[in-house]
Amino acid sequence: MRSILLPAPWIGIGRLIRGITQTLAAAHDPAMPARDWQALLGVPTFVAGIVLIDSPFESVAVLAVAVGVVEIVTALRIKGRADRVPRTV
């Protein structure tokens, strides 16, 4: 279990950066697919980074599941919109 302590802060820092960039990208690009989901996912991703850094043991499993579910939903929404883009050859 102590091995969680080593990668947890690095994963937390990555989540912090991803949350910030994801929210800013959604705020500044009106043409972004699934923009609402991207903005919605950015905030909890940022908070997840803080929680992961602060208490790695309690948060690793919960955050992995929660963020994974939200990212799957986001990917499906992006795919749905991408399927509607006309293809030219």
N, C-alpha and C. Protein backbone atom coordinates (compact mmCIF):
# COMPACT_ATOMS: atom_id res chain seq x y z
N MET A 1 0.81 -1.20 0.00
CA MET A 1 0.00 0.00 0.00
C MET A 1 0.85 1.26 0.00
N ARG A 2 2.05 1.17 0.52
CA ARG A 2 2.88 2.37 0.56
C ARG A 2 3.32 2.82 -0.83
N SER A 3 3.23 1.91 -1.78
CA SER A 3 3.62 2.28 -3.14
C SER A 3 2.68 3.31 -3.74
N ILE A 4 1.50 3.46 -3.18
CA ILE A 4 0.55 4.48 -3.65
C ILE A 4 1.08 5.88 -3.37
N LEU A 5 1.83 6.02 -2.31
CA LEU A 5 2.31 7.35 -1.92
C LEU A 5 3.27 7.96 -2.94
N LEU A 6 4.00 7.16 -3.66
CA LEU A 6 4.95 7.72 -4.62
C LEU A 6 4.26 8.30 -5.86
N PRO A 7 3.41 7.55 -6.56
CA PRO A 7 2.81 8.14 -7.76
C PRO A 7 1.64 9.09 -7.49
N ALA A 8 1.02 9.01 -6.32
CA ALA A 8 -0.16 9.81 -6.04
C ALA A 8 0.06 11.31 -6.21
N PRO A 9 1.13 11.90 -5.67
CA PRO A 9 1.31 13.34 -5.89
C PRO A 9 1.51 13.70 -7.36
N TRP A 10 2.21 12.85 -8.11
CA TRP A 10 2.42 13.13 -9.53
C TRP A 10 1.12 13.02 -10.31
N ILE A 11 0.33 12.03 -9.99
CA ILE A 11 -0.98 11.90 -10.64
C ILE A 11 -1.86 13.09 -10.24
N GLY A 12 -1.78 13.50 -8.99
CA GLY A 12 -2.54 14.66 -8.52
C GLY A 12 -2.15 15.93 -9.26
N ILE A 13 -0.86 16.13 -9.46
CA ILE A 13 -0.39 17.32 -10.19
C ILE A 13 -0.88 17.25 -11.64
N GLY A 14 -0.84 16.07 -12.23
CA GLY A 14 -1.36 15.90 -13.59
C GLY A 14 -2.84 16.22 -13.68
N ARG A 15 -3.60 15.80 -12.69
CA ARG A 15 -5.03 16.09 -12.65
C ARG A 15 -5.28 17.59 -12.49
N LEU A 16 -4.48 18.24 -11.66
CA LEU A 16 -4.60 19.69 -11.50
C LEU A 16 -4.42 20.39 -12.85
N ILE A 17 -3.36 20.04 -13.53
CA ILE A 17 -3.05 20.68 -14.82
C ILE A 17 -4.13 20.34 -15.85
N ARG A 18 -4.55 19.10 -15.89
CA ARG A 18 -5.59 18.70 -16.85
C ARG A 18 -6.90 19.43 -16.57
N GLY A 19 -7.27 19.55 -15.31
CA GLY A 19 -8.51 20.24 -14.96
C GLY A 19 -8.49 21.70 -15.38
N ILE A 20 -7.36 22.36 -15.16
CA ILE A 20 -7.23 23.77 -15.54
C ILE A 20 -7.29 23.92 -17.06
N THR A 21 -6.50 23.12 -17.77
CA THR A 21 -6.46 23.27 -19.23
C THR A 21 -7.77 22.85 -19.88
N GLN A 22 -8.42 21.85 -19.34
CA GLN A 22 -9.68 21.38 -19.91
C GLN A 22 -10.76 22.45 -19.75
N THR A 23 -10.83 23.06 -18.59
CA THR A 23 -11.82 24.10 -18.35
C THR A 23 -11.55 25.33 -19.20
N LEU A 24 -10.29 25.74 -19.27
CA LEU A 24 -9.95 26.91 -20.08
C LEU A 24 -10.20 26.66 -21.57
N ALA A 25 -9.88 25.48 -22.04
CA ALA A 25 -10.12 25.16 -23.46
C ALA A 25 -11.61 25.20 -23.77
N ALA A 26 -12.43 24.64 -22.90
CA ALA A 26 -13.87 24.65 -23.11
C ALA A 26 -14.43 26.07 -23.05
N ALA A 27 -13.87 26.90 -22.20
CA ALA A 27 -14.35 28.27 -22.06
C ALA A 27 -13.99 29.13 -23.26
N HIS A 28 -12.88 28.84 -23.90
CA HIS A 28 -12.38 29.69 -24.97
C HIS A 28 -12.63 29.17 -26.39
N ASP A 29 -13.17 27.98 -26.53
CA ASP A 29 -13.40 27.43 -27.87
C ASP A 29 -14.87 27.04 -28.04
N PRO A 30 -15.67 27.93 -28.61
CA PRO A 30 -17.09 27.62 -28.77
C PRO A 30 -17.37 26.46 -29.72
N ALA A 31 -16.42 26.10 -30.57
CA ALA A 31 -16.63 24.99 -31.52
C ALA A 31 -16.21 23.64 -30.96
N MET A 32 -15.73 23.59 -29.73
CA MET A 32 -15.27 22.33 -29.15
C MET A 32 -16.42 21.33 -29.00
N PRO A 33 -16.23 20.10 -29.49
CA PRO A 33 -17.27 19.08 -29.31
C PRO A 33 -17.46 18.77 -27.83
N ALA A 34 -18.69 18.58 -27.44
CA ALA A 34 -19.05 18.27 -26.04
C ALA A 34 -18.47 19.31 -25.08
N ARG A 35 -18.56 20.56 -25.48
CA ARG A 35 -17.97 21.66 -24.70
C ARG A 35 -18.50 21.70 -23.27
N ASP A 36 -19.79 21.50 -23.09
CA ASP A 36 -20.37 21.53 -21.75
C ASP A 36 -19.80 20.43 -20.86
N TRP A 37 -19.63 19.24 -21.43
CA TRP A 37 -19.05 18.13 -20.66
C TRP A 37 -17.58 18.39 -20.35
N GLN A 38 -16.87 18.99 -21.29
CA GLN A 38 -15.46 19.28 -21.06
C GLN A 38 -15.31 20.27 -19.90
N ALA A 39 -16.13 21.31 -19.90
CA ALA A 39 -16.06 22.30 -18.82
C ALA A 39 -16.49 21.66 -17.51
N LEU A 40 -17.54 20.84 -17.58
CA LEU A 40 -18.04 20.18 -16.38
C LEU A 40 -17.01 19.21 -15.81
N LEU A 41 -16.29 18.53 -16.67
CA LEU A 41 -15.27 17.57 -16.22
C LEU A 41 -14.03 18.27 -15.70
N GLY A 42 -13.72 19.45 -16.21
CA GLY A 42 -12.51 20.16 -15.79
C GLY A 42 -12.48 20.52 -14.32
N VAL A 43 -13.61 20.96 -13.80
CA VAL A 43 -13.65 21.39 -12.39
C VAL A 43 -13.45 20.22 -11.43
N PRO A 44 -14.21 19.12 -11.56
CA PRO A 44 -13.94 18.00 -10.63
C PRO A 44 -12.57 17.36 -10.84
N THR A 45 -12.03 17.45 -12.06
CA THR A 45 -10.70 16.92 -12.29
C THR A 45 -9.68 17.72 -11.49
N PHE A 46 -9.83 19.04 -11.49
CA PHE A 46 -8.97 19.91 -10.70
C PHE A 46 -9.09 19.58 -9.21
N VAL A 47 -10.32 19.46 -8.73
CA VAL A 47 -10.55 19.14 -7.32
C VAL A 47 -9.99 17.76 -6.99
N ALA A 48 -10.13 16.82 -7.92
CA ALA A 48 -9.59 15.48 -7.71
C ALA A 48 -8.08 15.52 -7.53
N GLY A 49 -7.42 16.39 -8.27
CA GLY A 49 -5.97 16.53 -8.12
C GLY A 49 -5.60 17.00 -6.72
N ILE A 50 -6.34 17.96 -6.21
CA ILE A 50 -6.08 18.45 -4.85
C ILE A 50 -6.31 17.34 -3.83
N VAL A 51 -7.42 16.63 -3.96
CA VAL A 51 -7.74 15.54 -3.02
C VAL A 51 -6.70 14.44 -3.11
N LEU A 52 -6.28 14.12 -4.30
CA LEU A 52 -5.29 13.05 -4.49
C LEU A 52 -3.96 13.41 -3.84
N ILE A 53 -3.57 14.66 -3.93
CA ILE A 53 -2.33 15.09 -3.29
C ILE A 53 -2.48 15.09 -1.78
N ASP A 54 -3.64 15.52 -1.30
CA ASP A 54 -3.86 15.67 0.14
C ASP A 54 -4.03 14.33 0.86
N SER A 55 -4.80 13.41 0.29
CA SER A 55 -5.02 12.13 0.96
C SER A 55 -5.03 10.99 -0.06
N PRO A 56 -3.84 10.53 -0.42
CA PRO A 56 -3.73 9.54 -1.50
C PRO A 56 -4.38 8.19 -1.20
N PHE A 57 -4.30 7.71 0.02
CA PHE A 57 -4.85 6.38 0.32
C PHE A 57 -6.35 6.33 0.13
N GLU A 58 -7.04 7.32 0.65
CA GLU A 58 -8.50 7.31 0.62
C GLU A 58 -9.06 7.64 -0.75
N SER A 59 -8.29 8.35 -1.56
CA SER A 59 -8.86 8.89 -2.78
C SER A 59 -8.53 8.15 -4.06
N VAL A 60 -7.54 7.33 -4.07
CA VAL A 60 -7.08 6.72 -5.33
C VAL A 60 -8.19 5.91 -6.01
N ALA A 61 -8.80 5.00 -5.33
CA ALA A 61 -9.82 4.15 -5.95
C ALA A 61 -11.06 4.94 -6.32
N VAL A 62 -11.52 5.78 -5.42
CA VAL A 62 -12.74 6.55 -5.68
C VAL A 62 -12.55 7.50 -6.86
N LEU A 63 -11.43 8.19 -6.89
CA LEU A 63 -11.18 9.14 -7.97
C LEU A 63 -10.99 8.44 -9.31
N ALA A 64 -10.35 7.30 -9.29
CA ALA A 64 -10.14 6.57 -10.54
C ALA A 64 -11.48 6.17 -11.16
N VAL A 65 -12.37 5.67 -10.35
CA VAL A 65 -13.68 5.25 -10.85
C VAL A 65 -14.50 6.46 -11.31
N ALA A 66 -14.56 7.48 -10.49
CA ALA A 66 -15.37 8.65 -10.82
C ALA A 66 -14.89 9.35 -12.09
N VAL A 67 -13.61 9.60 -12.18
CA VAL A 67 -13.07 10.29 -13.35
C VAL A 67 -13.18 9.38 -14.58
N GLY A 68 -12.97 8.10 -14.41
CA GLY A 68 -13.11 7.17 -15.54
C GLY A 68 -14.50 7.16 -16.12
N VAL A 69 -15.51 7.13 -15.26
CA VAL A 69 -16.90 7.12 -15.73
C VAL A 69 -17.21 8.41 -16.49
N VAL A 70 -16.82 9.54 -15.93
CA VAL A 70 -17.10 10.82 -16.59
C VAL A 70 -16.34 10.93 -17.91
N GLU A 71 -15.13 10.44 -17.97
CA GLU A 71 -14.37 10.51 -19.23
C GLU A 71 -14.96 9.58 -20.30
N ILE A 72 -15.49 8.45 -19.90
CA ILE A 72 -16.15 7.56 -20.86
C ILE A 72 -17.38 8.25 -21.44
N VAL A 73 -18.17 8.88 -20.60
CA VAL A 73 -19.34 9.61 -21.07
C VAL A 73 -18.92 10.74 -22.02
N THR A 74 -17.88 11.46 -21.65
CA THR A 74 -17.39 12.55 -22.51
C THR A 74 -16.92 12.00 -23.86
N ALA A 75 -16.19 10.91 -23.86
CA ALA A 75 -15.71 10.32 -25.11
C ALA A 75 -16.87 9.88 -26.00
N LEU A 76 -17.89 9.31 -25.42
CA LEU A 76 -19.05 8.89 -26.20
C LEU A 76 -19.77 10.09 -26.80
N ARG A 77 -19.86 11.17 -26.06
CA ARG A 77 -20.50 12.38 -26.60
C ARG A 77 -19.66 12.98 -27.73
N ILE A 78 -18.36 12.99 -27.57
CA ILE A 78 -17.50 13.51 -28.63
C ILE A 78 -17.62 12.63 -29.87
N LYS A 79 -17.64 11.32 -29.68
CA LYS A 79 -17.78 10.40 -30.81
C LYS A 79 -19.11 10.63 -31.51
N GLY A 80 -20.16 10.84 -30.76
CA GLY A 80 -21.47 11.09 -31.36
C GLY A 80 -21.47 12.33 -32.23
N ARG A 81 -20.81 13.36 -31.77
CA ARG A 81 -20.73 14.59 -32.57
C ARG A 81 -19.78 14.41 -33.75
N ALA A 82 -18.72 13.67 -33.57
CA ALA A 82 -17.76 13.44 -34.66
C ALA A 82 -18.40 12.64 -35.79
N ASP A 83 -19.33 11.74 -35.44
CA ASP A 83 -20.00 10.95 -36.47
C ASP A 83 -20.88 11.82 -37.37
N ARG A 84 -21.29 12.98 -36.89
CA ARG A 84 -22.13 13.88 -37.69
C ARG A 84 -21.32 14.83 -38.57
N VAL A 85 -20.02 14.82 -38.45
CA VAL A 85 -19.18 15.69 -39.28
C VAL A 85 -19.10 15.08 -40.67
N PRO A 86 -19.40 15.87 -41.70
CA PRO A 86 -19.33 15.30 -43.06
C PRO A 86 -17.90 14.94 -43.44
N ARG A 87 -17.76 13.82 -44.12
CA ARG A 87 -16.44 13.35 -44.53
C ARG A 87 -16.25 13.65 -46.01
N THR A 88 -15.10 14.18 -46.33
CA THR A 88 -14.78 14.44 -47.73
C THR A 88 -13.56 13.62 -48.11
N VAL A 89 -13.54 13.16 -49.32
CA VAL A 89 -12.42 12.34 -49.78
C VAL A 89 -11.62 13.10 -50.80
